[in-house]
N, C-alpha and C. Protein backbone atom coordinates (compact mmCIF):
# COMPACT_ATOMS: atom_id res chain seq x y z
N UNK A 1 -118.59 123.32 -26.09
CA UNK A 1 -118.10 122.31 -26.95
C UNK A 1 -116.88 121.45 -26.21
N UNK A 2 -116.79 120.26 -26.48
CA UNK A 2 -116.08 119.32 -25.88
C UNK A 2 -114.83 119.19 -26.72
N UNK A 3 -113.57 119.30 -26.26
CA UNK A 3 -112.37 119.33 -26.97
C UNK A 3 -111.72 117.96 -26.40
N UNK A 4 -111.36 117.03 -27.09
CA UNK A 4 -110.49 115.95 -26.71
C UNK A 4 -108.95 116.08 -27.13
N UNK A 5 -108.17 115.54 -26.34
CA UNK A 5 -106.84 115.99 -26.37
C UNK A 5 -106.33 114.53 -27.19
N UNK A 6 -105.38 114.89 -28.28
CA UNK A 6 -104.89 113.69 -29.02
C UNK A 6 -103.29 113.82 -28.86
N UNK A 7 -102.93 112.73 -28.62
CA UNK A 7 -101.33 112.54 -28.47
C UNK A 7 -100.85 111.97 -29.75
N UNK A 8 -100.07 112.98 -30.27
CA UNK A 8 -99.35 112.66 -31.95
C UNK A 8 -98.29 113.63 -31.78
N UNK A 9 -97.39 113.18 -32.95
CA UNK A 9 -96.16 113.88 -33.23
C UNK A 9 -96.47 115.01 -34.18
N UNK A 10 -95.92 116.32 -33.89
CA UNK A 10 -96.06 117.39 -34.56
C UNK A 10 -95.17 117.12 -36.03
N UNK A 11 -95.51 117.87 -36.95
CA UNK A 11 -94.72 117.80 -37.98
C UNK A 11 -93.24 118.34 -37.90
N UNK A 12 -93.02 119.19 -36.88
CA UNK A 12 -91.71 119.58 -36.59
C UNK A 12 -90.79 118.44 -35.83
N UNK A 13 -91.57 117.72 -34.94
CA UNK A 13 -90.88 116.59 -34.52
C UNK A 13 -90.59 115.41 -35.40
N UNK A 14 -91.34 115.35 -36.29
CA UNK A 14 -91.04 114.36 -37.37
C UNK A 14 -90.05 114.61 -38.16
N UNK A 15 -89.94 115.96 -38.67
CA UNK A 15 -88.94 116.49 -39.49
C UNK A 15 -87.52 116.09 -38.63
N UNK A 16 -87.49 116.69 -37.42
CA UNK A 16 -86.24 116.37 -36.65
C UNK A 16 -86.02 114.84 -36.67
N UNK A 17 -86.65 113.97 -36.42
CA UNK A 17 -86.10 112.74 -36.26
C UNK A 17 -85.50 112.04 -37.87
N UNK A 18 -86.36 112.73 -38.86
CA UNK A 18 -85.82 112.38 -40.17
C UNK A 18 -84.51 112.83 -40.48
N UNK A 19 -84.27 114.17 -40.15
CA UNK A 19 -82.99 114.75 -40.18
C UNK A 19 -81.87 113.73 -39.58
N UNK A 20 -82.22 113.53 -38.11
CA UNK A 20 -81.05 112.75 -37.40
C UNK A 20 -80.97 111.36 -37.78
N UNK A 21 -82.04 110.57 -38.51
CA UNK A 21 -81.79 109.39 -38.95
C UNK A 21 -80.82 109.51 -40.20
N UNK A 22 -81.13 110.53 -40.94
CA UNK A 22 -80.35 110.87 -42.16
C UNK A 22 -78.86 111.21 -41.92
N UNK A 23 -78.51 111.74 -40.80
CA UNK A 23 -77.30 112.35 -40.55
C UNK A 23 -76.44 110.88 -39.84
N UNK A 24 -77.31 110.05 -39.09
CA UNK A 24 -76.87 108.84 -38.76
C UNK A 24 -76.47 107.92 -39.69
N UNK A 25 -77.41 107.79 -40.79
CA UNK A 25 -76.92 106.81 -41.86
C UNK A 25 -75.98 107.29 -42.76
N UNK A 26 -75.76 108.63 -42.95
CA UNK A 26 -74.41 109.32 -43.58
C UNK A 26 -73.32 108.74 -43.29
N UNK A 27 -73.29 108.67 -41.77
CA UNK A 27 -72.08 108.36 -41.14
C UNK A 27 -71.82 106.99 -40.95
N UNK A 28 -72.65 106.09 -40.88
CA UNK A 28 -72.80 104.63 -40.56
C UNK A 28 -72.45 103.92 -41.88
N UNK A 29 -73.22 103.98 -42.97
CA UNK A 29 -73.09 103.41 -44.15
C UNK A 29 -71.57 103.13 -44.58
N UNK A 30 -70.71 104.39 -44.80
CA UNK A 30 -69.49 104.30 -45.09
C UNK A 30 -68.58 103.45 -44.33
N UNK A 31 -68.84 103.46 -42.98
CA UNK A 31 -68.15 102.67 -41.87
C UNK A 31 -68.34 101.20 -42.28
N UNK A 32 -69.73 100.74 -42.58
CA UNK A 32 -69.87 99.44 -42.72
C UNK A 32 -69.34 98.99 -43.85
N UNK A 33 -69.42 99.71 -44.98
CA UNK A 33 -68.62 99.42 -46.40
C UNK A 33 -67.18 99.19 -45.99
N UNK A 34 -66.42 99.96 -45.23
CA UNK A 34 -65.11 99.76 -45.03
C UNK A 34 -64.99 98.41 -44.15
N UNK A 35 -65.62 98.30 -43.19
CA UNK A 35 -65.74 96.93 -42.64
C UNK A 35 -65.82 95.68 -43.31
N UNK A 36 -66.64 95.70 -44.41
CA UNK A 36 -66.91 94.58 -45.06
C UNK A 36 -65.67 94.32 -46.03
N UNK A 37 -64.74 95.31 -46.69
CA UNK A 37 -63.70 95.36 -47.31
C UNK A 37 -62.54 94.70 -46.27
N UNK A 38 -62.46 95.16 -45.03
CA UNK A 38 -61.58 94.42 -44.34
C UNK A 38 -61.95 93.24 -43.73
N UNK A 39 -62.96 92.64 -43.83
CA UNK A 39 -63.41 91.16 -43.61
C UNK A 39 -62.90 90.44 -44.81
N UNK A 40 -63.14 90.84 -46.05
CA UNK A 40 -62.61 90.11 -47.40
C UNK A 40 -61.11 90.16 -47.41
N UNK A 41 -60.47 91.13 -47.05
CA UNK A 41 -59.13 91.08 -46.84
C UNK A 41 -58.27 89.95 -45.62
N UNK A 42 -59.00 90.16 -44.48
CA UNK A 42 -58.78 89.22 -43.56
C UNK A 42 -59.04 87.62 -44.02
N UNK A 43 -60.05 87.39 -44.74
CA UNK A 43 -60.31 86.26 -45.20
C UNK A 43 -59.40 85.74 -46.15
N UNK A 44 -58.84 86.59 -47.15
CA UNK A 44 -57.89 86.37 -48.06
C UNK A 44 -56.64 86.21 -47.31
N UNK A 45 -56.10 86.94 -46.49
CA UNK A 45 -54.90 86.49 -45.51
C UNK A 45 -55.19 85.10 -44.68
N UNK A 46 -56.10 84.79 -44.36
CA UNK A 46 -56.26 83.56 -43.72
C UNK A 46 -56.16 82.33 -44.81
N UNK A 47 -56.54 82.74 -46.12
CA UNK A 47 -56.40 81.61 -47.01
C UNK A 47 -54.92 81.49 -47.46
N UNK A 48 -54.13 82.50 -47.54
CA UNK A 48 -52.63 82.54 -47.86
C UNK A 48 -52.19 81.77 -46.66
N UNK A 49 -52.29 82.04 -45.38
CA UNK A 49 -51.79 81.43 -44.40
C UNK A 49 -52.12 79.83 -44.44
N UNK A 50 -53.22 79.55 -44.64
CA UNK A 50 -53.75 78.13 -44.80
C UNK A 50 -53.01 77.35 -45.86
N UNK A 51 -52.72 78.07 -47.13
CA UNK A 51 -52.17 77.33 -48.19
C UNK A 51 -50.51 77.39 -47.92
N UNK A 52 -49.98 78.10 -47.36
CA UNK A 52 -48.63 78.13 -46.76
C UNK A 52 -48.46 77.17 -45.92
N UNK A 53 -49.24 76.80 -44.81
CA UNK A 53 -49.28 75.80 -44.06
C UNK A 53 -49.25 74.37 -44.45
N UNK A 54 -50.34 74.41 -45.22
CA UNK A 54 -50.29 73.12 -46.15
C UNK A 54 -49.31 72.75 -46.96
N UNK A 55 -48.45 73.73 -47.73
CA UNK A 55 -47.43 73.30 -48.49
C UNK A 55 -46.44 73.04 -47.42
N UNK A 56 -46.12 73.58 -46.48
CA UNK A 56 -45.22 73.40 -45.25
C UNK A 56 -45.38 71.87 -45.01
N UNK A 57 -46.51 71.53 -44.49
CA UNK A 57 -46.95 70.16 -44.00
C UNK A 57 -46.76 69.33 -44.93
N UNK A 58 -47.10 69.38 -46.25
CA UNK A 58 -46.86 68.39 -47.30
C UNK A 58 -45.40 68.24 -47.65
N UNK A 59 -44.49 69.08 -47.58
CA UNK A 59 -43.19 69.06 -47.66
C UNK A 59 -42.47 68.27 -46.64
N UNK A 60 -42.96 68.61 -45.41
CA UNK A 60 -42.45 67.60 -44.23
C UNK A 60 -43.05 66.26 -44.38
N UNK A 61 -44.07 66.02 -44.92
CA UNK A 61 -44.58 64.49 -45.24
C UNK A 61 -43.62 63.81 -46.21
N UNK A 62 -43.40 64.58 -47.36
CA UNK A 62 -42.76 64.03 -48.31
C UNK A 62 -41.13 63.68 -47.91
N UNK A 63 -40.63 64.67 -47.00
CA UNK A 63 -39.23 64.55 -46.42
C UNK A 63 -39.13 63.20 -45.66
N UNK A 64 -40.30 63.23 -44.63
CA UNK A 64 -40.37 61.91 -43.77
C UNK A 64 -40.47 60.47 -44.71
N UNK A 65 -41.04 60.47 -45.75
CA UNK A 65 -41.34 59.48 -46.66
C UNK A 65 -39.68 59.19 -47.25
N UNK A 66 -38.92 60.15 -47.27
CA UNK A 66 -37.86 59.89 -48.24
C UNK A 66 -37.93 60.46 -49.35
N UNK A 67 -38.70 61.08 -49.64
CA UNK A 67 -38.82 61.62 -51.19
C UNK A 67 -38.41 63.21 -51.16
N UNK A 68 -37.21 63.16 -51.64
CA UNK A 68 -36.59 64.46 -51.93
C UNK A 68 -36.22 65.00 -53.34
N UNK A 69 -37.06 64.15 -54.34
CA UNK A 69 -36.89 64.48 -55.54
C UNK A 69 -38.17 65.13 -56.28
N UNK A 70 -39.42 64.89 -55.48
CA UNK A 70 -40.35 65.25 -56.02
C UNK A 70 -41.07 66.65 -55.32
N UNK A 71 -40.63 67.84 -55.84
CA UNK A 71 -40.97 69.08 -54.97
C UNK A 71 -42.61 69.23 -55.34
N UNK A 72 -42.87 70.30 -54.52
CA UNK A 72 -44.24 70.56 -54.66
C UNK A 72 -44.31 71.81 -55.70
N UNK A 73 -44.64 71.68 -56.67
CA UNK A 73 -44.62 72.73 -57.87
C UNK A 73 -45.84 73.18 -58.45
N UNK A 74 -47.04 72.62 -58.07
CA UNK A 74 -48.26 72.99 -58.45
C UNK A 74 -49.40 72.55 -57.50
N UNK A 75 -50.36 73.67 -57.41
CA UNK A 75 -51.48 73.28 -56.73
C UNK A 75 -52.64 73.44 -57.75
N UNK A 76 -53.15 72.06 -58.01
CA UNK A 76 -54.08 72.05 -59.07
C UNK A 76 -55.37 72.73 -58.90
N UNK A 77 -56.12 73.02 -59.81
CA UNK A 77 -57.46 73.95 -60.02
C UNK A 77 -58.53 72.80 -60.68
N UNK A 78 -59.46 72.36 -59.78
CA UNK A 78 -60.66 71.72 -60.53
C UNK A 78 -61.60 72.63 -61.18
N UNK A 79 -62.68 72.26 -61.70
CA UNK A 79 -63.75 73.10 -62.27
C UNK A 79 -64.14 74.05 -61.28
N UNK A 80 -64.13 73.87 -60.03
CA UNK A 80 -64.81 74.67 -59.26
C UNK A 80 -63.95 75.43 -58.14
N UNK A 81 -62.99 74.95 -57.80
CA UNK A 81 -61.84 75.27 -56.69
C UNK A 81 -60.54 75.43 -56.98
N UNK A 82 -59.93 76.52 -56.41
CA UNK A 82 -58.61 76.79 -56.42
C UNK A 82 -58.15 76.22 -55.36
N UNK A 83 -56.58 75.79 -55.48
CA UNK A 83 -55.82 74.99 -54.51
C UNK A 83 -56.61 73.61 -54.11
N UNK A 84 -56.64 72.80 -55.30
CA UNK A 84 -57.46 71.59 -54.91
C UNK A 84 -56.48 70.69 -54.45
N UNK A 85 -55.82 70.09 -55.35
CA UNK A 85 -54.79 69.01 -55.08
C UNK A 85 -53.12 69.45 -55.25
N UNK A 86 -52.21 68.84 -54.38
CA UNK A 86 -51.03 68.90 -54.79
C UNK A 86 -50.51 68.09 -56.04
N UNK A 87 -49.46 68.35 -56.60
CA UNK A 87 -48.97 67.56 -57.57
C UNK A 87 -48.58 66.09 -56.94
N UNK A 88 -48.41 65.03 -57.41
CA UNK A 88 -48.08 63.85 -56.86
C UNK A 88 -46.71 63.65 -56.22
N UNK A 89 -46.74 63.08 -55.24
CA UNK A 89 -45.54 62.59 -54.49
C UNK A 89 -44.84 61.41 -55.12
N UNK A 90 -43.81 60.79 -54.86
CA UNK A 90 -43.09 59.64 -55.36
C UNK A 90 -44.03 58.46 -55.49
N UNK A 91 -44.63 58.01 -54.09
CA UNK A 91 -45.67 56.98 -54.03
C UNK A 91 -46.90 57.18 -55.23
N UNK A 92 -47.33 58.23 -55.22
CA UNK A 92 -48.53 58.59 -55.82
C UNK A 92 -48.13 58.48 -57.44
N UNK A 93 -46.91 59.12 -57.70
CA UNK A 93 -46.58 58.89 -59.31
C UNK A 93 -46.11 57.57 -59.54
N UNK A 94 -45.73 56.74 -58.70
CA UNK A 94 -45.56 55.49 -58.91
C UNK A 94 -46.81 54.65 -59.18
N UNK A 95 -47.73 55.32 -58.21
CA UNK A 95 -49.28 54.38 -58.68
C UNK A 95 -49.88 54.87 -59.77
N UNK A 96 -49.29 55.75 -60.56
CA UNK A 96 -50.05 56.17 -61.72
C UNK A 96 -51.12 57.35 -61.74
N UNK A 97 -50.93 58.12 -60.47
CA UNK A 97 -52.03 59.27 -60.17
C UNK A 97 -51.45 60.49 -60.66
N UNK A 98 -52.53 61.27 -61.12
CA UNK A 98 -51.92 62.39 -61.83
C UNK A 98 -51.90 63.39 -60.79
N UNK A 99 -52.71 63.22 -59.47
CA UNK A 99 -52.62 64.32 -58.57
C UNK A 99 -52.55 63.53 -57.33
N UNK A 100 -51.91 64.56 -56.24
CA UNK A 100 -51.51 63.84 -54.80
C UNK A 100 -52.91 64.43 -53.80
N UNK A 101 -52.47 64.62 -52.67
CA UNK A 101 -53.47 64.89 -51.92
C UNK A 101 -54.22 66.20 -51.74
N UNK A 102 -55.24 66.37 -51.03
CA UNK A 102 -55.74 67.60 -50.93
C UNK A 102 -54.91 68.72 -50.18
N UNK A 103 -55.06 70.22 -50.93
CA UNK A 103 -54.39 70.95 -50.37
C UNK A 103 -55.08 71.48 -49.01
N UNK A 104 -56.42 71.91 -49.12
CA UNK A 104 -57.05 72.46 -48.00
C UNK A 104 -58.08 71.47 -47.59
N UNK A 105 -58.65 71.53 -46.12
CA UNK A 105 -59.77 70.77 -46.14
C UNK A 105 -61.12 71.29 -46.67
N UNK A 106 -61.23 72.58 -46.54
CA UNK A 106 -62.37 73.19 -47.19
C UNK A 106 -62.12 73.88 -48.53
N UNK A 107 -62.60 73.66 -49.62
CA UNK A 107 -62.19 74.21 -50.72
C UNK A 107 -62.49 75.68 -50.85
N UNK A 108 -61.72 76.30 -51.63
CA UNK A 108 -61.72 77.69 -51.72
C UNK A 108 -62.30 77.89 -53.16
N UNK A 109 -63.62 78.42 -53.44
CA UNK A 109 -64.23 78.48 -54.90
C UNK A 109 -63.53 79.39 -55.57
N UNK A 110 -63.42 79.21 -56.86
CA UNK A 110 -62.66 79.89 -57.70
C UNK A 110 -63.78 81.20 -58.48
N UNK A 111 -63.23 82.40 -58.80
CA UNK A 111 -64.10 83.43 -59.29
C UNK A 111 -65.22 83.10 -59.94
N UNK A 112 -64.99 82.00 -61.14
CA UNK A 112 -66.04 81.44 -61.90
C UNK A 112 -67.22 81.07 -61.27
N UNK A 113 -66.66 80.18 -60.10
CA UNK A 113 -67.81 79.60 -59.42
C UNK A 113 -68.82 80.38 -58.63
N UNK A 114 -68.17 81.54 -58.19
CA UNK A 114 -68.93 82.50 -57.48
C UNK A 114 -69.67 83.26 -58.13
N UNK A 115 -69.19 83.51 -59.54
CA UNK A 115 -69.96 84.24 -60.28
C UNK A 115 -69.72 85.78 -60.06
N UNK A 116 -68.79 86.33 -59.42
CA UNK A 116 -68.31 87.64 -59.20
C UNK A 116 -66.76 87.79 -59.66
N UNK A 117 -66.39 88.89 -60.10
CA UNK A 117 -65.07 89.34 -60.37
C UNK A 117 -63.93 89.59 -59.58
N UNK A 118 -64.41 89.90 -58.55
CA UNK A 118 -63.63 90.51 -57.54
C UNK A 118 -63.88 89.64 -56.26
N UNK A 119 -62.88 89.93 -55.26
CA UNK A 119 -62.90 89.27 -53.81
C UNK A 119 -62.79 87.77 -53.87
N UNK A 120 -62.22 87.25 -54.89
CA UNK A 120 -61.98 85.74 -55.23
C UNK A 120 -60.71 85.30 -55.64
N UNK A 121 -60.30 84.19 -55.69
CA UNK A 121 -59.15 83.41 -56.08
C UNK A 121 -59.61 82.89 -57.41
N UNK A 122 -58.49 83.10 -58.33
CA UNK A 122 -58.43 82.27 -59.72
C UNK A 122 -56.96 81.95 -60.05
N UNK A 123 -57.02 81.13 -60.99
CA UNK A 123 -55.49 80.87 -61.52
C UNK A 123 -55.22 81.71 -62.77
N UNK A 124 -53.93 81.94 -63.05
CA UNK A 124 -53.57 82.77 -64.24
C UNK A 124 -52.12 82.24 -64.59
N UNK A 125 -52.28 81.13 -65.48
CA UNK A 125 -51.13 80.52 -65.78
C UNK A 125 -50.47 79.38 -64.49
N UNK A 126 -49.28 79.53 -64.40
CA UNK A 126 -48.94 79.12 -62.98
C UNK A 126 -49.08 79.79 -61.86
N UNK A 127 -49.59 80.98 -61.82
CA UNK A 127 -49.84 81.97 -60.79
C UNK A 127 -51.29 81.78 -60.27
N UNK A 128 -51.44 81.96 -58.82
CA UNK A 128 -52.60 82.06 -58.29
C UNK A 128 -52.89 83.52 -57.77
N UNK A 129 -53.84 83.85 -58.40
CA UNK A 129 -54.37 85.44 -58.26
C UNK A 129 -55.44 85.57 -57.26
N UNK A 130 -55.26 86.75 -56.35
CA UNK A 130 -56.55 87.12 -55.59
C UNK A 130 -56.98 88.27 -56.15
N UNK A 131 -58.11 88.43 -56.38
CA UNK A 131 -58.67 89.92 -57.17
C UNK A 131 -59.44 90.76 -56.08
N UNK A 132 -58.86 92.08 -55.50
CA UNK A 132 -58.90 92.57 -54.72
C UNK A 132 -60.33 93.15 -54.61
N UNK A 133 -60.92 93.67 -53.68
CA UNK A 133 -62.15 94.37 -53.82
C UNK A 133 -62.29 95.54 -54.60
N UNK A 134 -61.44 96.48 -54.62
CA UNK A 134 -61.23 97.66 -55.16
C UNK A 134 -60.83 97.42 -56.66
N UNK A 135 -60.49 96.16 -57.07
CA UNK A 135 -59.93 96.01 -58.24
C UNK A 135 -58.35 95.85 -58.07
N UNK A 136 -57.69 95.22 -59.17
CA UNK A 136 -56.32 94.72 -58.92
C UNK A 136 -56.16 93.54 -58.57
N UNK A 137 -54.98 92.95 -58.78
CA UNK A 137 -54.90 91.49 -58.50
C UNK A 137 -53.63 91.34 -57.58
N UNK A 138 -53.42 90.37 -56.74
CA UNK A 138 -52.16 89.92 -56.19
C UNK A 138 -51.68 88.55 -56.72
N UNK A 139 -50.55 88.36 -57.18
CA UNK A 139 -50.31 87.17 -57.73
C UNK A 139 -49.39 86.40 -56.80
N UNK A 140 -49.43 85.12 -56.55
CA UNK A 140 -48.78 84.09 -55.77
C UNK A 140 -48.11 83.06 -56.73
N UNK A 141 -47.01 82.45 -56.33
CA UNK A 141 -46.83 81.55 -56.98
C UNK A 141 -45.89 80.58 -56.28
N UNK A 142 -45.50 79.30 -56.38
CA UNK A 142 -44.64 78.36 -55.88
C UNK A 142 -43.19 77.90 -56.71
N UNK A 143 -43.33 78.86 -57.75
CA UNK A 143 -42.06 78.75 -58.73
C UNK A 143 -41.49 80.09 -58.86
N UNK A 144 -40.34 80.31 -58.65
CA UNK A 144 -39.94 81.64 -58.71
C UNK A 144 -39.36 82.06 -60.24
N UNK A 145 -38.87 83.22 -60.35
CA UNK A 145 -38.77 83.85 -61.75
C UNK A 145 -37.81 82.98 -62.64
N UNK A 146 -36.90 82.44 -62.04
CA UNK A 146 -35.86 81.21 -62.75
C UNK A 146 -36.55 80.00 -62.72
N UNK A 147 -37.63 79.77 -62.75
CA UNK A 147 -38.66 78.68 -62.74
C UNK A 147 -37.83 77.62 -61.72
N UNK A 148 -37.21 78.04 -60.53
CA UNK A 148 -36.94 77.17 -59.64
C UNK A 148 -38.11 76.83 -58.49
N UNK A 149 -38.40 75.43 -58.33
CA UNK A 149 -39.47 75.09 -57.34
C UNK A 149 -39.02 75.51 -55.94
N UNK A 150 -39.69 76.55 -55.27
CA UNK A 150 -39.36 77.17 -53.90
C UNK A 150 -40.13 76.15 -52.88
N UNK A 151 -40.98 75.39 -53.05
CA UNK A 151 -41.90 74.94 -52.17
C UNK A 151 -42.52 75.85 -51.21
N UNK A 152 -42.72 77.07 -51.47
CA UNK A 152 -43.20 78.17 -50.71
C UNK A 152 -44.21 78.89 -51.60
N UNK A 153 -45.44 79.47 -50.86
CA UNK A 153 -46.39 80.12 -51.50
C UNK A 153 -46.14 81.45 -51.04
N UNK A 154 -45.18 82.40 -52.31
CA UNK A 154 -44.72 83.48 -52.25
C UNK A 154 -45.49 84.63 -53.23
N UNK A 155 -45.51 85.86 -53.10
CA UNK A 155 -46.02 86.94 -54.05
C UNK A 155 -44.87 86.89 -55.12
N UNK A 156 -45.30 87.27 -56.08
CA UNK A 156 -44.55 87.33 -57.37
C UNK A 156 -44.01 88.65 -57.37
N UNK A 157 -44.66 89.73 -56.70
CA UNK A 157 -43.96 91.12 -56.67
C UNK A 157 -44.18 91.37 -55.17
N UNK A 158 -43.15 91.11 -54.31
CA UNK A 158 -43.18 90.95 -52.90
C UNK A 158 -43.30 92.53 -52.44
N UNK A 159 -42.87 93.51 -52.98
CA UNK A 159 -42.85 94.69 -52.60
C UNK A 159 -44.05 95.59 -52.97
N UNK A 160 -45.09 95.09 -53.68
CA UNK A 160 -46.22 95.70 -54.31
C UNK A 160 -47.16 95.88 -52.87
N UNK A 161 -48.19 96.79 -53.15
CA UNK A 161 -48.90 97.21 -51.91
C UNK A 161 -49.86 95.96 -51.70
N UNK A 162 -50.37 95.42 -52.95
CA UNK A 162 -51.38 94.20 -52.72
C UNK A 162 -50.59 93.24 -51.79
N UNK A 163 -49.39 92.98 -52.10
CA UNK A 163 -48.50 91.65 -51.49
C UNK A 163 -48.55 92.14 -50.07
N UNK A 164 -48.12 93.38 -49.61
CA UNK A 164 -48.08 93.73 -48.41
C UNK A 164 -49.28 93.73 -47.58
N UNK A 165 -50.51 93.99 -48.46
CA UNK A 165 -51.70 94.00 -47.74
C UNK A 165 -52.18 92.58 -47.15
N UNK A 166 -51.70 91.45 -48.20
CA UNK A 166 -52.09 90.14 -47.68
C UNK A 166 -51.04 89.28 -47.07
N UNK A 167 -49.93 89.68 -46.83
CA UNK A 167 -48.95 89.00 -46.27
C UNK A 167 -48.39 89.74 -44.84
N UNK A 168 -49.02 90.72 -44.46
CA UNK A 168 -48.49 91.33 -43.17
C UNK A 168 -49.56 90.80 -41.98
C-alpha cells in the first residue's frame, strides 16, 4: 500500500492559534478604544485653541481699526456649524450687517449636523458646549457670570474635570 504524506495543520495547532488570537484581541481592542477617545479629546483641544486664537486676532483687528466699543460677545451658529461668525464690528454694524467675519477657516459641524449626541460641539443659550465621549459636557463662554464681555473663550466652570481635560 502506498501512503502519501499530507501537509496540513493538526487540530491541536489550530486550537493554539485561535487561543493566541483571542488573547491578543482581548488586549488590543481596549487599547484601540482608549486611543480613539484620546484623539477626540485632542481634536476638541485643538478647536478650543483655534477659537481662542481667532477671538484674539479679531480683537486685535478691531483695536487696530480704532473700534473699542464693539466687543466680541457672540460667535454665531448657522444651521450646520458652531463658531460660524463673529458679531459685527463698528464698520460692519454701520453697513447694516448682522454678522461679522468668519471665526474659523474650516467650519466645526454641530451635533445635529453630525447625527450623533457625543464628541461634538453645540450651543446652549449663550454657552458653547462640547459633549464628551463618555457623556457629560464642558461649557465655554465669552461672557462671564456678571454678563461682562471678556473677549476670551473660557470655561464656565474652570475647576471642573472636563474643563481641565480640554484646556491643559
